[in-house]
Amino acid sequence: MQVLFYDYIETPIGSLMLAGDGANLVELGFPAGKGARRHHPGWVFKPEIFAAARGQLVEYFAGQRRVFTIPIAPQGTEFQLRVWGALVSIPYGETLSYGELARQIGKPSASRAVGAANGRNPIPIIIPCHRVIGASGRLVGFGGGLGVKQKLLALEQEAIAPTLFEQD
């Protein structure tokens, strides 16, 4: 069995768990909600290997990073990996419906399956499943809770919005 390393980072949405194999980030866990994750017995606390991930997350929450470049290795089925690959292509600050995402991957009748794959995303934020919304435009289904999803989307919108009162 593969040894995993872990660390926790404090963010504006709470403490996030980072887990990796030493080369890649394999999990990111929320502090609460159905996507809450904690380290497992046998995992090794090794914060130094998460310096790049920690730095990029700090930049993201400061509105300074739009694309993550750390190596990731999510584990899932072929379909899940396809959905997660498509999630990464959703531009920062934009949203897409489950149906639109299903069409994008060539499975127009699979919006429910896309939703299920989205819900199993092991590396949220970095694989931006928070950018997927319901067909009506409503926020639905998010492992960290809808309040966290709303905060992430608001953070991105705020970072891309032009400053209304810029001074010369």
C-alpha atoms as a PDB file:
ATOM      1  CA  MET A   1       0.000   0.000   0.000  1.00  0.00           C
ATOM      2  CA  GLN A   2       1.171   3.499  -0.872  1.00  0.00           C
ATOM      3  CA  VAL A   3       2.228   5.783   1.986  1.00  0.00           C
ATOM      4  CA  LEU A   4       0.525   9.155   1.918  1.00  0.00           C
ATOM      5  CA  PHE A   5       1.797  12.343   3.479  1.00  0.00           C
ATOM      6  CA  TYR A   6      -0.448  15.086   4.805  1.00  0.00           C
ATOM      7  CA  ASP A   7      -0.629  18.628   6.072  1.00  0.00           C
ATOM      8  CA  TYR A   8      -3.323  21.167   6.911  1.00  0.00           C
ATOM      9  CA  ILE A   9      -3.558  24.769   5.745  1.00  0.00           C
ATOM     10  CA  GLU A  10      -5.681  27.501   7.298  1.00  0.00           C
ATOM     11  CA  THR A  11      -7.719  29.398   4.693  1.00  0.00           C
ATOM     12  CA  PRO A  12     -10.621  31.860   4.648  1.00  0.00           C
ATOM     13  CA  ILE A  13     -12.977  28.866   4.276  1.00  0.00           C
ATOM     14  CA  GLY A  14     -11.430  26.845   7.103  1.00  0.00           C
ATOM     15  CA  SER A  15      -8.694  24.287   7.550  1.00  0.00           C
ATOM     16  CA  LEU A  16      -8.016  22.291   4.384  1.00  0.00           C
ATOM     17  CA  MET A  17      -6.297  18.916   4.433  1.00  0.00           C
ATOM     18  CA  LEU A  18      -3.637  18.287   1.807  1.00  0.00           C
ATOM     19  CA  ALA A  19      -2.558  14.720   1.064  1.00  0.00           C
ATOM     20  CA  GLY A  20       0.003  13.523  -1.409  1.00  0.00           C
ATOM     21  CA  ASP A  21       2.394  10.789  -2.393  1.00  0.00           C
ATOM     22  CA  GLY A  22       5.529  12.936  -2.228  1.00  0.00           C
ATOM     23  CA  ALA A  23       5.386  13.953  -5.877  1.00  0.00           C
ATOM     24  CA  ASN A  24       1.699  14.749  -6.461  1.00  0.00           C
ATOM     25  CA  LEU A  25      -1.230  16.126  -4.546  1.00  0.00           C
ATOM     26  CA  VAL A  26      -3.857  13.375  -4.437  1.00  0.00           C
ATOM     27  CA  GLU A  27      -6.480  14.791  -2.046  1.00  0.00           C
ATOM     28  CA  LEU A  28      -7.699  18.095  -0.709  1.00  0.00           C
ATOM     29  CA  GLY A  29     -10.282  17.893   2.033  1.00  0.00           C
ATOM     30  CA  PHE A  30     -12.726  20.463   3.364  1.00  0.00           C
ATOM     31  CA  PRO A  31     -13.168  21.090   7.097  1.00  0.00           C
ATOM     32  CA  ALA A  32     -16.913  20.319   6.969  1.00  0.00           C
ATOM     33  CA  GLY A  33     -19.677  19.060   4.690  1.00  0.00           C
ATOM     34  CA  LYS A  34     -19.868  15.790   2.824  1.00  0.00           C
ATOM     35  CA  GLY A  35     -16.423  16.534   1.353  1.00  0.00           C
ATOM     36  CA  ALA A  36     -14.834  16.776   4.806  1.00  0.00           C
ATOM     37  CA  ARG A  37     -11.672  14.734   4.997  1.00  0.00           C
ATOM     38  CA  ARG A  38      -9.104  14.103   7.675  1.00  0.00           C
ATOM     39  CA  HIS A  39      -5.852  12.234   7.478  1.00  0.00           C
ATOM     40  CA  HIS A  40      -5.936   8.486   8.047  1.00  0.00           C
ATOM     41  CA  PRO A  41      -3.942   6.475  10.575  1.00  0.00           C
ATOM     42  CA  GLY A  42      -0.671   5.514   8.943  1.00  0.00           C
ATOM     43  CA  TRP A  43      -0.381   8.710   6.923  1.00  0.00           C
ATOM     44  CA  VAL A  44       2.767  10.689   7.670  1.00  0.00           C
ATOM     45  CA  PHE A  45       2.644  14.358   8.697  1.00  0.00           C
ATOM     46  CA  LYS A  46       5.174  16.026   6.406  1.00  0.00           C
ATOM     47  CA  PRO A  47       4.296  19.690   5.803  1.00  0.00           C
ATOM     48  CA  GLU A  48       7.496  20.537   3.922  1.00  0.00           C
ATOM     49  CA  ILE A  49       6.436  18.568   0.828  1.00  0.00           C
ATOM     50  CA  PHE A  50       3.323  20.748   0.481  1.00  0.00           C
ATOM     51  CA  ALA A  51       5.137  24.100   0.283  1.00  0.00           C
ATOM     52  CA  ALA A  52       4.195  24.679  -3.385  1.00  0.00           C
ATOM     53  CA  ALA A  53       0.550  23.645  -2.857  1.00  0.00           C
ATOM     54  CA  ARG A  54       0.303  25.802   0.263  1.00  0.00           C
ATOM     55  CA  GLY A  55       1.831  28.783  -1.576  1.00  0.00           C
ATOM     56  CA  GLN A  56      -0.502  28.447  -4.554  1.00  0.00           C
ATOM     57  CA  LEU A  57      -3.560  28.137  -2.318  1.00  0.00           C
ATOM     58  CA  VAL A  58      -2.523  31.260  -0.381  1.00  0.00           C
ATOM     59  CA  GLU A  59      -2.196  33.097  -3.721  1.00  0.00           C
ATOM     60  CA  TYR A  60      -5.600  31.791  -4.852  1.00  0.00           C
ATOM     61  CA  PHE A  61      -7.350  32.977  -1.688  1.00  0.00           C
ATOM     62  CA  ALA A  62      -5.620  36.362  -2.035  1.00  0.00           C
ATOM     63  CA  GLY A  63      -7.104  36.670  -5.554  1.00  0.00           C
ATOM     64  CA  GLN A  64      -3.637  36.463  -7.109  1.00  0.00           C
ATOM     65  CA  ARG A  65      -3.740  32.988  -8.687  1.00  0.00           C
ATOM     66  CA  ARG A  66      -6.157  31.826 -11.356  1.00  0.00           C
ATOM     67  CA  VAL A  67      -4.483  28.610 -12.527  1.00  0.00           C
ATOM     68  CA  PHE A  68      -2.814  25.987 -10.346  1.00  0.00           C
ATOM     69  CA  THR A  69       0.432  24.442 -11.602  1.00  0.00           C
ATOM     70  CA  ILE A  70       1.227  21.951  -8.853  1.00  0.00           C
ATOM     71  CA  PRO A  71       1.368  18.292  -9.900  1.00  0.00           C
ATOM     72  CA  ILE A  72      -1.819  16.391  -9.072  1.00  0.00           C
ATOM     73  CA  ALA A  73      -2.797  12.741  -9.381  1.00  0.00           C
ATOM     74  CA  PRO A  74      -6.507  12.260  -8.722  1.00  0.00           C
ATOM     75  CA  GLN A  75      -7.617   8.639  -8.516  1.00  0.00           C
ATOM     76  CA  GLY A  76     -10.899   7.680 -10.185  1.00  0.00           C
ATOM     77  CA  THR A  77     -12.617   5.874 -13.008  1.00  0.00           C
ATOM     78  CA  GLU A  78     -11.952   6.758 -16.632  1.00  0.00           C
ATOM     79  CA  PHE A  79     -15.239   8.701 -16.731  1.00  0.00           C
ATOM     80  CA  GLN A  80     -14.457  10.588 -13.515  1.00  0.00           C
ATOM     81  CA  LEU A  81     -10.995  11.516 -14.793  1.00  0.00           C
ATOM     82  CA  ARG A  82     -12.590  12.811 -18.001  1.00  0.00           C
ATOM     83  CA  VAL A  83     -15.025  14.974 -16.052  1.00  0.00           C
ATOM     84  CA  TRP A  84     -12.285  16.258 -13.740  1.00  0.00           C
ATOM     85  CA  GLY A  85     -10.138  17.079 -16.779  1.00  0.00           C
ATOM     86  CA  ALA A  86     -13.004  19.130 -18.198  1.00  0.00           C
ATOM     87  CA  LEU A  87     -13.457  20.966 -14.880  1.00  0.00           C
ATOM     88  CA  VAL A  88      -9.933  22.334 -15.151  1.00  0.00           C
ATOM     89  CA  SER A  89     -10.866  23.962 -18.458  1.00  0.00           C
ATOM     90  CA  ILE A  90     -13.648  26.091 -16.898  1.00  0.00           C
ATOM     91  CA  PRO A  91     -12.135  29.589 -16.784  1.00  0.00           C
ATOM     92  CA  TYR A  92     -11.525  31.285 -13.466  1.00  0.00           C
ATOM     93  CA  GLY A  93     -14.552  33.311 -12.409  1.00  0.00           C
ATOM     94  CA  GLU A  94     -16.942  31.551 -14.806  1.00  0.00           C
ATOM     95  CA  THR A  95     -19.525  28.831 -14.248  1.00  0.00           C
ATOM     96  CA  LEU A  96     -20.967  26.010 -16.308  1.00  0.00           C
ATOM     97  CA  SER A  97     -24.038  23.831 -15.746  1.00  0.00           C
ATOM     98  CA  TYR A  98     -23.844  20.075 -15.289  1.00  0.00           C
ATOM     99  CA  GLY A  99     -25.620  19.680 -18.635  1.00  0.00           C
ATOM    100  CA  GLU A 100     -23.153  21.967 -20.397  1.00  0.00           C
ATOM    101  CA  LEU A 101     -20.271  20.015 -18.880  1.00  0.00           C
ATOM    102  CA  ALA A 102     -21.858  16.739 -20.038  1.00  0.00           C
ATOM    103  CA  ARG A 103     -22.111  18.123 -23.587  1.00  0.00           C
ATOM    104  CA  GLN A 104     -18.529  19.348 -23.410  1.00  0.00           C
ATOM    105  CA  ILE A 105     -17.254  15.814 -22.732  1.00  0.00           C
ATOM    106  CA  GLY A 106     -19.430  14.344 -25.482  1.00  0.00           C
ATOM    107  CA  LYS A 107     -22.039  12.768 -23.176  1.00  0.00           C
ATOM    108  CA  PRO A 108     -25.034  15.138 -23.507  1.00  0.00           C
ATOM    109  CA  SER A 109     -27.453  12.829 -21.662  1.00  0.00           C
ATOM    110  CA  ALA A 110     -25.088  12.187 -18.744  1.00  0.00           C
ATOM    111  CA  SER A 111     -25.615  15.294 -16.617  1.00  0.00           C
ATOM    112  CA  ARG A 112     -26.466  13.192 -13.540  1.00  0.00           C
ATOM    113  CA  ALA A 113     -23.351  11.064 -14.004  1.00  0.00           C
ATOM    114  CA  VAL A 114     -21.320  14.253 -14.458  1.00  0.00           C
ATOM    115  CA  GLY A 115     -22.811  15.524 -11.199  1.00  0.00           C
ATOM    116  CA  ALA A 116     -21.860  12.298  -9.428  1.00  0.00           C
ATOM    117  CA  ALA A 117     -18.296  12.474 -10.786  1.00  0.00           C
ATOM    118  CA  ASN A 118     -18.128  16.128  -9.774  1.00  0.00           C
ATOM    119  CA  GLY A 119     -19.163  15.138  -6.262  1.00  0.00           C
ATOM    120  CA  ARG A 120     -16.332  12.612  -6.035  1.00  0.00           C
ATOM    121  CA  ASN A 121     -13.641  15.094  -7.036  1.00  0.00           C
ATOM    122  CA  PRO A 122     -10.744  14.350  -4.636  1.00  0.00           C
ATOM    123  CA  ILE A 123      -8.965  17.689  -5.246  1.00  0.00           C
ATOM    124  CA  PRO A 124     -11.601  20.452  -5.110  1.00  0.00           C
ATOM    125  CA  ILE A 125     -10.582  24.081  -5.663  1.00  0.00           C
ATOM    126  CA  ILE A 126      -7.532  22.972  -7.678  1.00  0.00           C
ATOM    127  CA  ILE A 127      -9.870  20.885  -9.848  1.00  0.00           C
ATOM    128  CA  PRO A 128     -12.561  23.594  -9.707  1.00  0.00           C
ATOM    129  CA  CYS A 129     -15.806  21.676  -9.211  1.00  0.00           C
ATOM    130  CA  HIS A 130     -17.216  24.758  -7.440  1.00  0.00           C
ATOM    131  CA  ARG A 131     -17.619  26.344 -10.898  1.00  0.00           C
ATOM    132  CA  VAL A 132     -20.386  23.882 -11.849  1.00  0.00           C
ATOM    133  CA  ILE A 133     -23.933  25.031 -11.109  1.00  0.00           C
ATOM    134  CA  GLY A 134     -27.474  23.862 -11.752  1.00  0.00           C
ATOM    135  CA  ALA A 135     -29.191  24.484 -15.112  1.00  0.00           C
ATOM    136  CA  SER A 136     -31.315  27.173 -13.452  1.00  0.00           C
ATOM    137  CA  GLY A 137     -28.194  29.050 -12.371  1.00  0.00           C
ATOM    138  CA  ARG A 138     -28.638  28.019  -8.732  1.00  0.00           C
ATOM    139  CA  LEU A 139     -25.823  26.718  -6.589  1.00  0.00           C
ATOM    140  CA  VAL A 140     -26.275  23.007  -6.041  1.00  0.00           C
ATOM    141  CA  GLY A 141     -24.285  20.088  -4.682  1.00  0.00           C
ATOM    142  CA  PHE A 142     -20.889  20.883  -3.225  1.00  0.00           C
ATOM    143  CA  GLY A 143     -18.781  18.736  -0.882  1.00  0.00           C
ATOM    144  CA  GLY A 144     -17.649  21.686   1.208  1.00  0.00           C
ATOM    145  CA  GLY A 145     -21.205  22.968   1.584  1.00  0.00           C
ATOM    146  CA  LEU A 146     -23.074  25.560  -0.462  1.00  0.00           C
ATOM    147  CA  GLY A 147     -21.788  28.407   1.723  1.00  0.00           C
ATOM    148  CA  VAL A 148     -18.202  27.499   0.812  1.00  0.00           C
ATOM    149  CA  LYS A 149     -19.129  27.182  -2.860  1.00  0.00           C
ATOM    150  CA  GLN A 150     -20.676  30.632  -2.745  1.00  0.00           C
ATOM    151  CA  LYS A 151     -17.546  32.062  -1.070  1.00  0.00           C
ATOM    152  CA  LEU A 152     -15.241  30.525  -3.705  1.00  0.00           C
ATOM    153  CA  LEU A 153     -17.330  31.873  -6.583  1.00  0.00           C
ATOM    154  CA  ALA A 154     -17.555  35.301  -4.924  1.00  0.00           C
ATOM    155  CA  LEU A 155     -13.793  35.357  -4.384  1.00  0.00           C
ATOM    156  CA  GLU A 156     -13.204  34.670  -8.078  1.00  0.00           C
ATOM    157  CA  GLN A 157     -15.788  37.231  -9.191  1.00  0.00           C
ATOM    158  CA  GLU A 158     -14.278  39.854  -6.916  1.00  0.00           C
ATOM    159  CA  ALA A 159     -10.764  39.161  -8.219  1.00  0.00           C
ATOM    160  CA  ILE A 160     -11.792  39.639 -11.866  1.00  0.00           C
ATOM    161  CA  ALA A 161     -14.191  42.570 -11.367  1.00  0.00           C
ATOM    162  CA  PRO A 162     -12.756  45.923 -12.420  1.00  0.00           C
ATOM    163  CA  THR A 163     -12.185  48.339  -9.606  1.00  0.00           C
ATOM    164  CA  LEU A 164     -14.963  50.911  -9.796  1.00  0.00           C
ATOM    165  CA  PHE A 165     -13.206  53.659  -7.930  1.00  0.00           C
ATOM    166  CA  GLU A 166      -9.653  53.565  -9.236  1.00  0.00           C
ATOM    167  CA  GLN A 167      -7.722  56.721  -8.646  1.00  0.00           C
ATOM    168  CA  ASP A 168      -5.390  58.235 -11.217  1.00  0.00           C
END
